[in-house]
Amino acid sequence: MGLIGRQTEAGLLLDDIGAAHRKPLDRGVESKMVLTVKPWGGMLALYRDNNSNFFI
């Protein structure tokens, strides 16, 4: 069975998280959660594309 309709997550290692966060916003992607520093040191943001898919 595939993952259609199921939540999946991915992690990225980036040199400049701020620039990586601004790039999709500058292209009109909707942000559903501001870039947030978590207690363990990771950073999360939530975006929604034009097909209503959410990306963490």
PDB file of N, CA and C in Angstrom:
ATOM      1  N   MET A   1       0.841  -1.178   0.000  1.00  0.00           N
ATOM      2  CA  MET A   1       0.000   0.000   0.000  1.00  0.00           C
ATOM      3  C   MET A   1       0.887   1.242   0.000  1.00  0.00           C
ATOM      4  N   GLY A   2       0.517   2.241  -0.774  1.00  0.00           N
ATOM      5  CA  GLY A   2       1.291   3.475  -0.881  1.00  0.00           C
ATOM      6  C   GLY A   2       1.045   4.429   0.275  1.00  0.00           C
ATOM      7  N   LEU A   3       1.646   5.592   0.177  1.00  0.00           N
ATOM      8  CA  LEU A   3       1.536   6.592   1.231  1.00  0.00           C
ATOM      9  C   LEU A   3       0.525   7.682   0.896  1.00  0.00           C
ATOM     10  N   ILE A   4      -0.304   7.470  -0.102  1.00  0.00           N
ATOM     11  CA  ILE A   4      -1.286   8.474  -0.476  1.00  0.00           C
ATOM     12  C   ILE A   4      -2.230   8.719   0.696  1.00  0.00           C
ATOM     13  N   GLY A   5      -2.367   9.995   1.065  1.00  0.00           N
ATOM     14  CA  GLY A   5      -3.241  10.356   2.173  1.00  0.00           C
ATOM     15  C   GLY A   5      -2.632  10.179   3.549  1.00  0.00           C
ATOM     16  N   ARG A   6      -1.375   9.775   3.614  1.00  0.00           N
ATOM     17  CA  ARG A   6      -0.701   9.585   4.899  1.00  0.00           C
ATOM     18  C   ARG A   6       0.377  10.637   5.079  1.00  0.00           C
ATOM     19  N   GLN A   7       0.605  11.045   6.306  1.00  0.00           N
ATOM     20  CA  GLN A   7       1.628  12.043   6.594  1.00  0.00           C
ATOM     21  C   GLN A   7       3.011  11.418   6.540  1.00  0.00           C
ATOM     22  N   THR A   8       3.920  12.093   5.866  1.00  0.00           N
ATOM     23  CA  THR A   8       5.330  11.721   5.869  1.00  0.00           C
ATOM     24  C   THR A   8       6.136  12.973   6.165  1.00  0.00           C
ATOM     25  N   GLU A   9       7.329  12.825   6.667  1.00  0.00           N
ATOM     26  CA  GLU A   9       8.178  13.963   6.987  1.00  0.00           C
ATOM     27  C   GLU A   9       9.575  13.721   6.441  1.00  0.00           C
ATOM     28  N   ALA A  10      10.278  14.832   6.177  1.00  0.00           N
ATOM     29  CA  ALA A  10      11.657  14.761   5.691  1.00  0.00           C
ATOM     30  C   ALA A  10      12.462  15.822   6.415  1.00  0.00           C
ATOM     31  N   GLY A  11      13.725  15.574   6.610  1.00  0.00           N
ATOM     32  CA  GLY A  11      14.625  16.539   7.226  1.00  0.00           C
ATOM     33  C   GLY A  11      15.700  16.957   6.240  1.00  0.00           C
ATOM     34  N   LEU A  12      16.130  18.199   6.340  1.00  0.00           N
ATOM     35  CA  LEU A  12      17.168  18.731   5.463  1.00  0.00           C
ATOM     36  C   LEU A  12      18.252  19.391   6.298  1.00  0.00           C
ATOM     37  N   LEU A  13      19.485  19.293   5.844  1.00  0.00           N
ATOM     38  CA  LEU A  13      20.597  20.030   6.437  1.00  0.00           C
ATOM     39  C   LEU A  13      20.939  21.164   5.489  1.00  0.00           C
ATOM     40  N   LEU A  14      20.867  22.408   5.971  1.00  0.00           N
ATOM     41  CA  LEU A  14      21.064  23.571   5.114  1.00  0.00           C
ATOM     42  C   LEU A  14      22.109  24.508   5.704  1.00  0.00           C
ATOM     43  N   ASP A  15      22.847  25.174   4.830  1.00  0.00           N
ATOM     44  CA  ASP A  15      23.824  26.164   5.286  1.00  0.00           C
ATOM     45  C   ASP A  15      23.154  27.449   5.759  1.00  0.00           C
ATOM     46  N   ASP A  16      22.061  27.855   5.100  1.00  0.00           N
ATOM     47  CA  ASP A  16      21.376  29.101   5.446  1.00  0.00           C
ATOM     48  C   ASP A  16      19.874  28.841   5.493  1.00  0.00           C
ATOM     49  N   ILE A  17      19.373  28.454   6.658  1.00  0.00           N
ATOM     50  CA  ILE A  17      17.965  28.102   6.803  1.00  0.00           C
ATOM     51  C   ILE A  17      17.064  29.307   6.540  1.00  0.00           C
ATOM     52  N   GLY A  18      17.506  30.492   6.909  1.00  0.00           N
ATOM     53  CA  GLY A  18      16.705  31.696   6.675  1.00  0.00           C
ATOM     54  C   GLY A  18      16.459  31.935   5.194  1.00  0.00           C
ATOM     55  N   ALA A  19      17.504  31.819   4.382  1.00  0.00           N
ATOM     56  CA  ALA A  19      17.365  32.002   2.935  1.00  0.00           C
ATOM     57  C   ALA A  19      16.499  30.900   2.330  1.00  0.00           C
ATOM     58  N   ALA A  20      16.677  29.677   2.806  1.00  0.00           N
ATOM     59  CA  ALA A  20      15.875  28.556   2.301  1.00  0.00           C
ATOM     60  C   ALA A  20      14.404  28.738   2.661  1.00  0.00           C
ATOM     61  N   HIS A  21      14.124  29.349   3.795  1.00  0.00           N
ATOM     62  CA  HIS A  21      12.747  29.606   4.220  1.00  0.00           C
ATOM     63  C   HIS A  21      12.122  30.731   3.394  1.00  0.00           C
ATOM     64  N   ARG A  22      12.896  31.775   3.107  1.00  0.00           N
ATOM     65  CA  ARG A  22      12.370  32.920   2.358  1.00  0.00           C
ATOM     66  C   ARG A  22      12.102  32.610   0.892  1.00  0.00           C
ATOM     67  N   LYS A  23      12.888  31.721   0.307  1.00  0.00           N
ATOM     68  CA  LYS A  23      12.782  31.447  -1.136  1.00  0.00           C
ATOM     69  C   LYS A  23      11.377  31.015  -1.558  1.00  0.00           C
ATOM     70  N   PRO A  24      10.757  30.008  -0.936  1.00  0.00           N
ATOM     71  CA  PRO A  24       9.400  29.652  -1.361  1.00  0.00           C
ATOM     72  C   PRO A  24       8.383  30.755  -1.062  1.00  0.00           C
ATOM     73  N   LEU A  25       8.589  31.502   0.036  1.00  0.00           N
ATOM     74  CA  LEU A  25       7.673  32.591   0.358  1.00  0.00           C
ATOM     75  C   LEU A  25       7.729  33.675  -0.707  1.00  0.00           C
ATOM     76  N   ASP A  26       8.931  33.971  -1.195  1.00  0.00           N
ATOM     77  CA  ASP A  26       9.098  34.960  -2.262  1.00  0.00           C
ATOM     78  C   ASP A  26       8.434  34.516  -3.557  1.00  0.00           C
ATOM     79  N   ARG A  27       8.214  33.214  -3.711  1.00  0.00           N
ATOM     80  CA  ARG A  27       7.580  32.668  -4.914  1.00  0.00           C
ATOM     81  C   ARG A  27       6.083  32.426  -4.724  1.00  0.00           C
ATOM     82  N   GLY A  28       5.541  32.899  -3.603  1.00  0.00           N
ATOM     83  CA  GLY A  28       4.104  32.830  -3.392  1.00  0.00           C
ATOM     84  C   GLY A  28       3.590  31.611  -2.651  1.00  0.00           C
ATOM     85  N   VAL A  29       4.483  30.764  -2.141  1.00  0.00           N
ATOM     86  CA  VAL A  29       4.044  29.608  -1.358  1.00  0.00           C
ATOM     87  C   VAL A  29       3.515  30.106  -0.015  1.00  0.00           C
ATOM     88  N   GLU A  30       2.403  29.551   0.416  1.00  0.00           N
ATOM     89  CA  GLU A  30       1.770  29.967   1.659  1.00  0.00           C
ATOM     90  C   GLU A  30       2.455  29.322   2.859  1.00  0.00           C
ATOM     91  N   SER A  31       2.798  30.145   3.835  1.00  0.00           N
ATOM     92  CA  SER A  31       3.375  29.651   5.084  1.00  0.00           C
ATOM     93  C   SER A  31       2.253  29.450   6.087  1.00  0.00           C
ATOM     94  N   LYS A  32       2.161  28.257   6.669  1.00  0.00           N
ATOM     95  CA  LYS A  32       1.142  27.950   7.667  1.00  0.00           C
ATOM     96  C   LYS A  32       1.711  27.960   9.087  1.00  0.00           C
ATOM     97  N   MET A  33       3.027  28.071   9.216  1.00  0.00           N
ATOM     98  CA  MET A  33       3.683  28.137  10.518  1.00  0.00           C
ATOM     99  C   MET A  33       5.012  28.851  10.321  1.00  0.00           C
ATOM    100  N   VAL A  34       5.292  29.854  11.122  1.00  0.00           N
ATOM    101  CA  VAL A  34       6.557  30.571  10.993  1.00  0.00           C
ATOM    102  C   VAL A  34       7.720  29.635  11.319  1.00  0.00           C
ATOM    103  N   LEU A  35       8.882  29.968  10.819  1.00  0.00           N
ATOM    104  CA  LEU A  35      10.083  29.201  11.114  1.00  0.00           C
ATOM    105  C   LEU A  35      10.301  29.229  12.624  1.00  0.00           C
ATOM    106  N   THR A  36      10.317  28.048  13.240  1.00  0.00           N
ATOM    107  CA  THR A  36      10.321  27.917  14.697  1.00  0.00           C
ATOM    108  C   THR A  36      11.491  27.063  15.159  1.00  0.00           C
ATOM    109  N   VAL A  37      12.217  27.547  16.165  1.00  0.00           N
ATOM    110  CA  VAL A  37      13.292  26.764  16.781  1.00  0.00           C
ATOM    111  C   VAL A  37      12.668  25.873  17.847  1.00  0.00           C
ATOM    112  N   LYS A  38      12.929  24.575  17.755  1.00  0.00           N
ATOM    113  CA  LYS A  38      12.392  23.609  18.709  1.00  0.00           C
ATOM    114  C   LYS A  38      13.382  23.408  19.863  1.00  0.00           C
ATOM    115  N   PRO A  39      12.925  22.879  21.004  1.00  0.00           N
ATOM    116  CA  PRO A  39      13.789  22.704  22.175  1.00  0.00           C
ATOM    117  C   PRO A  39      15.050  21.876  21.915  1.00  0.00           C
ATOM    118  N   TRP A  40      15.001  20.947  20.988  1.00  0.00           N
ATOM    119  CA  TRP A  40      16.162  20.108  20.700  1.00  0.00           C
ATOM    120  C   TRP A  40      17.132  20.779  19.722  1.00  0.00           C
ATOM    121  N   GLY A  41      16.798  22.002  19.247  1.00  0.00           N
ATOM    122  CA  GLY A  41      17.694  22.743  18.362  1.00  0.00           C
ATOM    123  C   GLY A  41      17.308  22.697  16.899  1.00  0.00           C
ATOM    124  N   GLY A  42      16.384  21.817  16.536  1.00  0.00           N
ATOM    125  CA  GLY A  42      15.917  21.755  15.158  1.00  0.00           C
ATOM    126  C   GLY A  42      15.013  22.933  14.852  1.00  0.00           C
ATOM    127  N   MET A  43      14.812  23.191  13.570  1.00  0.00           N
ATOM    128  CA  MET A  43      13.927  24.273  13.149  1.00  0.00           C
ATOM    129  C   MET A  43      12.851  23.698  12.239  1.00  0.00           C
ATOM    130  N   LEU A  44      11.617  24.144  12.428  1.00  0.00           N
ATOM    131  CA  LEU A  44      10.492  23.662  11.636  1.00  0.00           C
ATOM    132  C   LEU A  44       9.731  24.824  11.030  1.00  0.00           C
ATOM    133  N   ALA A  45       9.156  24.583   9.863  1.00  0.00           N
ATOM    134  CA  ALA A  45       8.220  25.508   9.234  1.00  0.00           C
ATOM    135  C   ALA A  45       7.197  24.644   8.501  1.00  0.00           C
ATOM    136  N   LEU A  46       6.063  25.213   8.196  1.00  0.00           N
ATOM    137  CA  LEU A  46       5.006  24.480   7.512  1.00  0.00           C
ATOM    138  C   LEU A  46       4.535  25.309   6.328  1.00  0.00           C
ATOM    139  N   TYR A  47       4.486  24.683   5.162  1.00  0.00           N
ATOM    140  CA  TYR A  47       4.085  25.349   3.926  1.00  0.00           C
ATOM    141  C   TYR A  47       2.941  24.576   3.283  1.00  0.00           C
ATOM    142  N   ARG A  48       2.128  25.293   2.496  1.00  0.00           N
ATOM    143  CA  ARG A  48       1.063  24.653   1.729  1.00  0.00           C
ATOM    144  C   ARG A  48       1.230  25.030   0.265  1.00  0.00           C
ATOM    145  N   ASP A  49       1.231  24.028  -0.624  1.00  0.00           N
ATOM    146  CA  ASP A  49       1.382  24.304  -2.048  1.00  0.00           C
ATOM    147  C   ASP A  49       0.030  24.572  -2.701  1.00  0.00           C
ATOM    148  N   ASN A  50       0.040  24.835  -4.013  1.00  0.00           N
ATOM    149  CA  ASN A  50      -1.198  25.189  -4.718  1.00  0.00           C
ATOM    150  C   ASN A  50      -2.147  24.004  -4.907  1.00  0.00           C
ATOM    151  N   ASN A  51      -1.737  22.796  -4.524  1.00  0.00           N
ATOM    152  CA  ASN A  51      -2.608  21.616  -4.543  1.00  0.00           C
ATOM    153  C   ASN A  51      -3.100  21.265  -3.136  1.00  0.00           C
ATOM    154  N   SER A  52      -2.882  22.169  -2.198  1.00  0.00           N
ATOM    155  CA  SER A  52      -3.272  22.010  -0.788  1.00  0.00           C
ATOM    156  C   SER A  52      -2.502  20.916  -0.064  1.00  0.00           C
ATOM    157  N   ASN A  53      -1.310  20.575  -0.565  1.00  0.00           N
ATOM    158  CA  ASN A  53      -0.415  19.669   0.152  1.00  0.00           C
ATOM    159  C   ASN A  53       0.376  20.482   1.170  1.00  0.00           C
ATOM    160  N   PHE A  54       0.602  19.911   2.341  1.00  0.00           N
ATOM    161  CA  PHE A  54       1.376  20.564   3.365  1.00  0.00           C
ATOM    162  C   PHE A  54       2.774  19.963   3.417  1.00  0.00           C
ATOM    163  N   PHE A  55       3.770  20.832   3.635  1.00  0.00           N
ATOM    164  CA  PHE A  55       5.162  20.401   3.725  1.00  0.00           C
ATOM    165  C   PHE A  55       5.746  20.972   5.005  1.00  0.00           C
ATOM    166  N   ILE A  56       6.351  20.110   5.812  1.00  0.00           N
ATOM    167  CA  ILE A  56       6.985  20.527   7.062  1.00  0.00           C
ATOM    168  C   ILE A  56       8.462  20.692   6.804  1.00  0.00           C
TER     169      ILE A  56
END
